[in-house]
Protein backbone atom coordinates (compact mmCIF):
# COMPACT_ATOMS: atom_id res chain seq x y z
CA MET A 1 -34.97 -119.94 -18.68
CA SER A 2 -34.67 -120.30 -23.43
CA HIS A 3 -35.71 -123.87 -24.94
CA GLY A 4 -35.48 -122.68 -28.10
CA GLY A 5 -31.94 -124.67 -29.50
CA ALA A 6 -30.66 -127.11 -31.96
CA ALA A 7 -33.78 -129.63 -33.21
CA GLY A 8 -34.38 -133.13 -31.39
CA ALA A 9 -32.75 -131.23 -28.24
CA GLY A 10 -35.60 -131.98 -25.66
CA PRO A 11 -36.97 -129.71 -23.09
CA ASN A 12 -34.38 -131.47 -20.51
CA ALA A 13 -31.35 -130.70 -22.90
CA ALA A 14 -30.21 -127.84 -20.41
CA SER A 15 -30.41 -130.39 -17.33
CA ARG A 16 -27.84 -132.78 -18.75
CA ARG A 17 -25.29 -130.01 -19.89
CA PRO A 18 -23.16 -129.53 -17.08
CA ARG A 19 -23.65 -126.63 -14.87
CA ARG A 20 -20.88 -124.17 -15.07
CA GLY A 21 -19.26 -123.04 -10.98
CA PRO A 22 -17.39 -120.59 -9.96
CA ALA A 23 -13.80 -121.87 -11.11
CA SER A 24 -15.27 -121.86 -14.71
CA ARG A 25 -16.82 -118.00 -14.33
CA SER A 26 -13.47 -116.88 -13.03
CA ALA A 27 -11.32 -118.53 -15.66
CA ASP A 28 -13.81 -116.19 -18.61
CA LEU A 29 -13.54 -114.02 -17.04
CA ARG A 30 -9.17 -114.07 -16.85
CA ALA A 31 -9.92 -114.93 -20.54
CA SER A 32 -12.14 -111.71 -21.93
CA GLY A 33 -9.76 -110.00 -20.41
CA ALA A 34 -6.58 -111.39 -21.95
CA THR A 35 -8.08 -111.21 -25.01
CA MET A 36 -8.89 -107.80 -24.83
CA ARG A 37 -5.43 -106.94 -23.20
CA SER A 38 -4.39 -108.72 -26.37
CA ALA A 39 -6.05 -106.50 -28.60
CA ARG A 40 -3.30 -104.18 -29.54
CA GLU A 41 -0.59 -106.89 -30.96
CA GLY A 42 -4.17 -107.07 -34.02
CA GLY A 43 -4.07 -102.62 -33.73
CA ARG A 44 -6.71 -102.12 -32.23
CA GLN A 45 -6.35 -100.26 -28.75
CA GLY A 46 -5.72 -101.68 -25.59
CA SER A 47 -8.42 -102.87 -22.84
CA ILE A 48 -9.75 -101.09 -19.97
CA GLY A 49 -9.82 -102.19 -16.16
CA TRP A 50 -11.49 -99.46 -13.77
CA LEU A 51 -11.37 -99.78 -10.06
CA GLY A 52 -13.81 -98.23 -7.95
CA THR A 53 -17.19 -97.47 -8.99
CA GLY A 54 -18.54 -95.20 -6.97
CA ARG A 55 -20.41 -91.98 -8.75
CA MET A 56 -17.22 -90.72 -10.48
CA GLY A 57 -16.02 -93.92 -11.64
CA THR A 58 -19.47 -94.97 -12.94
CA ALA A 59 -19.24 -91.05 -14.65
CA ILE A 60 -16.31 -92.07 -16.44
CA VAL A 61 -16.93 -94.90 -17.26
CA ASN A 62 -19.83 -93.60 -18.25
CA ARG A 63 -17.85 -91.74 -20.50
CA LEU A 64 -16.04 -94.93 -22.23
CA LEU A 65 -18.80 -96.81 -23.38
CA ASP A 66 -20.79 -94.06 -25.06
CA ALA A 67 -16.84 -94.25 -27.33
CA ASP A 68 -17.65 -97.54 -27.22
CA ARG A 69 -14.73 -98.91 -25.71
CA PRO A 70 -14.70 -102.42 -23.72
CA VAL A 71 -14.07 -101.93 -20.61
CA MET A 72 -13.73 -103.70 -17.10
CA VAL A 73 -14.65 -103.16 -13.97
CA TRP A 74 -14.46 -103.78 -10.25
CA ASN A 75 -16.01 -102.50 -7.14
CA ARG A 76 -15.67 -103.51 -3.50
CA THR A 77 -19.48 -103.90 -3.15
CA PRO A 78 -20.49 -105.58 -6.21
CA ALA A 79 -24.09 -104.32 -6.38
CA LYS A 80 -22.22 -100.57 -7.62
CA THR A 81 -21.14 -102.35 -10.60
CA GLY A 82 -24.53 -103.13 -12.28
CA PRO A 83 -25.49 -100.51 -14.09
CA LEU A 84 -22.62 -100.16 -15.92
CA ALA A 85 -23.18 -103.75 -16.77
CA VAL A 86 -26.16 -103.25 -17.74
CA ARG A 87 -24.46 -100.69 -20.15
CA GLY A 88 -22.24 -103.37 -21.71
CA ALA A 89 -19.34 -103.30 -19.35
CA HIS A 90 -17.62 -106.48 -18.01
CA VAL A 91 -17.87 -107.11 -14.27
CA ALA A 92 -13.74 -108.33 -13.14
CA ASP A 93 -15.16 -111.09 -9.84
CA SER A 94 -12.05 -109.85 -8.29
CA ILE A 95 -9.20 -107.23 -9.22
CA ALA A 96 -6.79 -110.14 -10.14
CA THR A 97 -9.52 -110.21 -13.03
CA LEU A 98 -9.14 -106.95 -13.66
CA ALA A 99 -5.27 -106.92 -13.33
CA ALA A 100 -5.47 -108.63 -17.15
CA CYS A 101 -6.09 -105.60 -19.16
CA ASP A 102 -3.27 -103.60 -20.14
CA VAL A 103 -4.55 -100.35 -19.52
CA VAL A 104 -6.24 -100.54 -14.97
CA TYR A 105 -7.21 -97.07 -13.91
CA VAL A 106 -8.07 -96.52 -9.80
CA MET A 107 -10.16 -94.50 -8.46
CA VAL A 108 -10.84 -94.29 -4.43
CA SER A 109 -11.38 -91.89 -1.59
CA GLY A 110 -8.29 -92.20 -0.18
CA PRO A 111 -4.95 -93.58 0.64
CA ALA A 112 -5.11 -95.88 2.52
CA ASP A 113 -7.98 -97.16 0.22
CA LEU A 114 -4.81 -96.47 -2.17
CA GLU A 115 -2.76 -98.83 -1.29
CA GLU A 116 -4.91 -101.80 -0.07
CA VAL A 117 -5.91 -102.24 -4.00
CA VAL A 118 -2.72 -102.16 -5.44
CA LEU A 119 -0.97 -103.02 -3.03
CA GLY A 120 -2.44 -105.17 -0.64
CA GLU A 121 -2.63 -109.41 -0.28
CA GLY A 122 -4.53 -109.48 -3.92
CA GLY A 123 -4.00 -106.43 -5.28
CA LEU A 124 -3.31 -105.18 -8.91
CA LEU A 125 1.03 -105.59 -8.47
CA GLY A 126 0.18 -109.02 -6.12
CA GLY A 127 -0.81 -111.19 -8.40
CA ASP A 128 0.70 -113.89 -11.60
CA ALA A 129 -1.50 -111.26 -14.28
CA ARG A 130 0.05 -106.84 -13.83
CA PRO A 131 -1.14 -104.51 -15.99
CA GLY A 132 0.90 -102.90 -19.18
CA VAL A 133 -0.19 -99.04 -16.91
CA LEU A 134 -1.40 -98.44 -13.97
CA VAL A 135 -3.09 -95.06 -13.74
CA ASP A 136 -4.03 -94.00 -10.68
CA CYS A 137 -7.18 -90.73 -10.44
CA SER A 138 -7.70 -90.87 -6.80
CA THR A 139 -6.21 -88.03 -4.71
CA VAL A 140 -4.10 -88.22 -2.19
CA SER A 141 -0.38 -87.41 -0.75
CA GLU A 142 2.97 -87.02 -3.00
CA GLU A 143 4.10 -89.44 -0.35
CA VAL A 144 1.42 -92.64 -1.01
CA SER A 145 2.31 -92.02 -4.71
CA ALA A 146 5.13 -92.56 -5.57
CA ARG A 147 4.59 -95.33 -2.83
CA ILE A 148 3.44 -96.88 -5.50
CA ARG A 149 5.17 -95.48 -8.86
CA ALA A 150 7.65 -97.92 -6.44
CA ALA A 151 6.32 -100.61 -6.48
CA ALA A 152 5.46 -100.94 -9.92
CA ALA A 153 8.24 -99.73 -11.15
CA ALA A 154 9.91 -102.60 -9.57
CA LEU A 155 7.40 -104.64 -11.11
CA ASP A 156 7.76 -102.77 -14.55
CA VAL A 157 4.42 -101.75 -14.32
CA ALA A 158 4.10 -97.61 -16.26
CA PHE A 159 2.60 -95.60 -13.67
CA LEU A 160 0.49 -92.33 -13.65
CA ALA A 161 -0.69 -90.19 -11.49
CA ALA A 162 -3.90 -88.70 -12.94
CA PRO A 163 -6.62 -87.00 -10.42
CA VAL A 164 -9.54 -85.82 -12.38
CA CYS A 165 -11.26 -82.71 -11.61
CA GLY A 166 -14.62 -81.76 -12.31
CA ASN A 167 -18.33 -83.33 -9.80
CA PRO A 168 -20.06 -86.30 -11.63
CA GLU A 169 -22.18 -84.30 -13.15
CA VAL A 170 -19.41 -81.88 -15.10
CA ILE A 171 -17.44 -84.75 -16.10
CA ALA A 172 -21.07 -87.11 -17.51
CA GLU A 173 -20.90 -83.18 -19.34
CA GLY A 174 -17.62 -84.40 -20.37
CA GLN A 175 -16.72 -80.92 -18.96
CA GLY A 176 -13.88 -82.36 -16.45
CA SER A 177 -10.08 -82.57 -16.10
CA PHE A 178 -7.62 -84.91 -16.09
CA ILE A 179 -3.64 -83.52 -14.04
CA VAL A 180 -1.11 -86.05 -14.97
CA SER A 181 2.22 -87.00 -14.09
CA GLY A 182 4.12 -89.67 -15.05
CA PRO A 183 6.29 -90.26 -18.19
CA VAL A 184 5.34 -88.43 -21.20
CA LYS A 185 5.47 -91.15 -23.82
CA VAL A 186 2.40 -93.89 -21.24
CA PHE A 187 1.11 -90.48 -20.47
CA GLU A 188 0.45 -90.10 -24.56
CA GLN A 189 -1.10 -93.87 -24.81
CA VAL A 190 -3.84 -93.33 -22.80
CA ARG A 191 -3.82 -89.90 -23.54
CA PRO A 192 -6.64 -90.52 -25.54
CA ASP A 193 -8.72 -92.18 -23.52
CA LEU A 194 -8.65 -89.82 -21.31
CA GLU A 195 -9.62 -87.44 -23.99
CA VAL A 196 -12.96 -89.33 -24.44
CA VAL A 197 -13.83 -87.73 -21.39
CA ALA A 198 -13.40 -85.47 -19.63
CA LYS A 199 -12.48 -81.62 -22.41
CA THR A 200 -8.79 -80.89 -20.09
CA VAL A 201 -5.92 -83.04 -20.02
CA VAL A 202 -2.95 -81.45 -18.93
CA HIS A 203 0.74 -84.08 -18.46
CA VAL A 204 2.86 -81.73 -15.56
CA GLY A 205 5.42 -83.23 -14.27
CA GLU A 206 7.56 -86.56 -15.12
CA ARG A 207 6.56 -87.33 -11.05
CA GLU A 208 4.68 -86.78 -8.35
CA GLN A 209 3.67 -83.04 -9.85
CA ALA A 210 -0.08 -84.16 -10.30
CA ARG A 211 -0.89 -84.61 -7.08
CA LEU A 212 -0.47 -80.79 -5.67
CA VAL A 213 -1.98 -79.48 -8.47
CA LYS A 214 -5.18 -81.94 -7.97
CA LEU A 215 -5.22 -80.05 -3.99
CA ALA A 216 -3.91 -76.45 -5.43
CA HIS A 217 -6.90 -76.55 -7.41
CA ASN A 218 -9.51 -77.87 -4.07
CA LEU A 219 -8.09 -75.36 -2.29
CA TYR A 220 -8.84 -72.54 -3.67
CA LEU A 221 -12.74 -74.21 -5.04
CA GLY A 222 -13.38 -74.37 -1.15
CA MET A 223 -11.20 -70.91 -0.64
CA MET A 224 -14.02 -69.95 -3.82
CA VAL A 225 -16.65 -71.17 -1.67
CA GLN A 226 -15.73 -70.00 1.55
CA SER A 227 -15.84 -66.91 0.11
CA LEU A 228 -18.85 -66.78 -1.98
CA VAL A 229 -21.08 -67.45 0.90
CA GLU A 230 -19.84 -65.04 3.23
CA VAL A 231 -20.84 -62.17 0.41
CA VAL A 232 -24.00 -63.70 -0.23
CA THR A 233 -24.78 -64.15 3.70
CA LEU A 234 -24.09 -60.25 4.12
CA ALA A 235 -26.08 -59.41 0.80
CA GLU A 236 -28.42 -61.19 2.28
CA LYS A 237 -28.82 -60.30 6.22
CA ALA A 238 -28.36 -56.33 4.46
CA GLY A 239 -31.80 -57.44 3.03
CA THR A 240 -30.73 -58.64 -0.99
CA SER A 241 -32.00 -61.45 -1.51
CA ARG A 242 -29.48 -64.86 -2.64
CA GLU A 243 -30.72 -64.82 -6.18
CA ALA A 244 -30.89 -61.48 -6.50
CA PHE A 245 -27.35 -60.68 -5.86
CA LEU A 246 -26.50 -64.61 -7.28
CA GLU A 247 -28.26 -62.69 -10.97
CA PHE A 248 -26.46 -59.20 -11.09
CA PHE A 249 -22.55 -61.64 -10.02
CA ASN A 250 -23.36 -63.71 -12.50
CA GLY A 251 -23.48 -61.36 -14.42
CA SER A 252 -20.49 -59.39 -13.99
CA ALA A 253 -16.52 -60.37 -14.52
CA LEU A 254 -15.59 -62.39 -11.69
CA THR A 255 -18.03 -64.53 -12.23
CA SER A 256 -17.58 -68.36 -13.38
CA PRO A 257 -18.68 -71.69 -15.13
CA TRP A 258 -18.99 -73.42 -11.66
CA ILE A 259 -20.50 -70.59 -9.51
CA ARG A 260 -23.37 -70.50 -13.38
CA ARG A 261 -23.35 -73.78 -12.38
CA ARG A 262 -24.36 -74.08 -8.39
CA GLY A 263 -25.07 -71.08 -8.19
CA PRO A 264 -28.93 -71.42 -8.68
CA GLU A 265 -28.42 -74.36 -5.51
CA LEU A 266 -26.99 -71.49 -3.56
CA ALA A 267 -29.61 -69.36 -3.96
CA THR A 268 -32.73 -71.89 -3.25
CA GLY A 269 -30.51 -73.60 -0.60
CA ASP A 270 -30.30 -77.41 -2.67
CA TRP A 271 -26.90 -78.92 -1.78
CA HIS A 272 -27.31 -82.52 -3.72
CA LEU A 273 -24.73 -84.41 -3.15
CA THR A 274 -21.27 -83.49 -5.49
CA PHE A 275 -18.76 -83.30 -3.46
CA THR A 276 -19.10 -84.14 0.71
CA ASN A 277 -17.72 -81.59 3.97
CA GLU A 278 -15.67 -84.56 4.61
CA LEU A 279 -13.74 -84.78 1.59
CA LEU A 280 -13.01 -81.21 0.96
CA ARG A 281 -11.31 -81.41 4.36
CA LYS A 282 -9.14 -84.04 3.68
CA ASP A 283 -7.97 -82.59 0.20
CA PHE A 284 -7.29 -79.33 2.33
CA ASP A 285 -5.75 -82.00 4.67
CA LEU A 286 -3.28 -83.51 2.86
CA GLY A 287 -2.79 -80.27 0.67
CA LEU A 288 -1.88 -78.23 4.09
CA ALA A 289 0.48 -80.88 4.65
CA ALA A 290 2.24 -79.92 1.40
CA ALA A 291 2.18 -76.74 1.99
CA ARG A 292 4.22 -77.15 5.83
CA GLU A 293 6.51 -79.40 3.79
CA LEU A 294 7.90 -77.01 1.11
CA GLU A 295 7.15 -73.93 3.86
CA VAL A 296 4.52 -71.81 2.36
CA PRO A 297 3.01 -69.73 4.32
CA MET A 298 -1.03 -70.28 4.27
CA PRO A 299 -3.43 -68.27 5.90
CA ALA A 300 -6.45 -68.02 3.97
CA THR A 301 -6.13 -71.85 3.15
CA SER A 302 -5.30 -72.11 6.82
CA ALA A 303 -8.77 -69.73 8.34
CA THR A 304 -10.63 -72.13 5.85
CA TYR A 305 -9.81 -75.26 6.64
CA GLN A 306 -10.74 -74.42 10.52
CA LEU A 307 -14.36 -73.51 9.02
CA ILE A 308 -14.95 -76.53 7.10
CA GLN A 309 -14.54 -77.93 9.91
CA SER A 310 -17.09 -76.73 11.94
CA ALA A 311 -19.25 -77.71 9.12
CA ILE A 312 -18.51 -81.02 10.10
CA GLY A 313 -18.83 -81.06 13.89
CA ASN A 314 -22.09 -78.92 13.56
CA GLY A 315 -23.71 -81.98 11.32
CA LEU A 316 -22.24 -81.28 7.94
CA ARG A 317 -20.01 -83.93 7.66
CA ASN A 318 -21.94 -85.48 4.96
CA GLU A 319 -23.13 -82.84 3.19
CA ASP A 320 -22.61 -80.60 0.28
CA PHE A 321 -19.64 -78.92 0.31
CA LEU A 322 -22.08 -75.89 -0.53
CA SER A 323 -23.38 -76.57 3.08
CA LEU A 324 -20.49 -74.09 3.95
CA TYR A 325 -23.80 -71.60 3.09
CA GLU A 326 -25.60 -73.01 6.24
CA LEU A 327 -22.48 -72.46 9.13
CA GLN A 328 -21.96 -68.59 7.68
CA ALA A 329 -25.57 -68.42 8.02
CA ARG A 330 -25.74 -68.93 11.37
CA ALA A 331 -23.30 -67.33 12.18
CA ALA A 332 -24.20 -64.07 11.51
CA GLY A 333 -28.19 -64.67 12.47
CA LEU A 334 -30.19 -65.33 9.64
CA THR A 335 -31.28 -68.95 10.63
C-alpha cells in the first residue's frame, strides 16, 4: 500500500478511512456499467459486455481491447478474467452487473449453458438492468436460439445470433468470421465491433439462419479433416512420409488456408488444442438433428460422425480433432 497522499496525512490516515465492502464495490461496477452505457448519448460508441472468457472469448476480447474498446467481462470461473483485467478490461462481479452494458456478447459451450446465463436466475434478462442488444456467439441449435430471441423480445431487448468461425489463433490474427442473423438495423449497430475482431462478417437472415450456417461450416470441417487424414494415411502406408505428401498437397489446387496452417502439425503429430473431438461431436449432433428435421440426407456426414464417436471412445475425447489421424493410423496398422 502506498502511504503517499495529501500534506498532513500521517501513516495512520489510511486506517481512518471507511472500509469499502462488497456492496460498495458492486455499486461501483454498476455505476461503471451505467456510465459506459450512456456513452452513446455523448456521441461515443456504446459499451460492450462479454460473458464467457474461455480460450475463444479471451481471444475476441483481446482484439476489442487492441482497438481501445471498453469491455466489461464476466466468467463463471473468475480466474479466467485475470489476463483481460491486466489489459484493462473491467471485471463484473455478477451477470447482473454485466447487464448494464449497451451490448452484451455471450460465448458459452452449449445450449444448456446459454439458457442458464440468459434465462436462468440471475441471468442477463432476469434483473432490473438489461442490455439493449444481446449477441450470442455460441454454437447452439435453432430451437434454443429462437427461445432466447422470444424471451429477449418480450423484454424489449434486441437479439442477434452471431456464431464465430475460427480457432483462438485465427481470431488473434484477425482472420476469423462472424455469421450473423437477426434484424438488419441491429446488425448494422454492432457490425463495427464485429469487424474489429474478424475479417469476414456476413448477415445471413432475419431469424436463426446463422445457427445452421455455422453448423454446416463445422460439419464440412469435420469431413474435410477426416478425408485429409485418410489420404495422408494411405500415402504413408505406401511409403511416402506425411511431410512429403503434405508438401505436395499444399502446392496443389486442392489445398486451403486451413490445411496450410495445420498441415505441418499433422506432419509432426502436434495435436495442440484448438477444438476438441467432444465439441466437434456436439456440432455433428446438432447438424444431423437439423438435417433430420429438414429431411436432408447426409451420408458422408453420418459416416464421419461415427468416426468422431470412435475417436472419443478410444480416449481422444479432449484431444484436438486433428487427432482423428491417430484413429485412422491405428485402423491402417501404422501404430
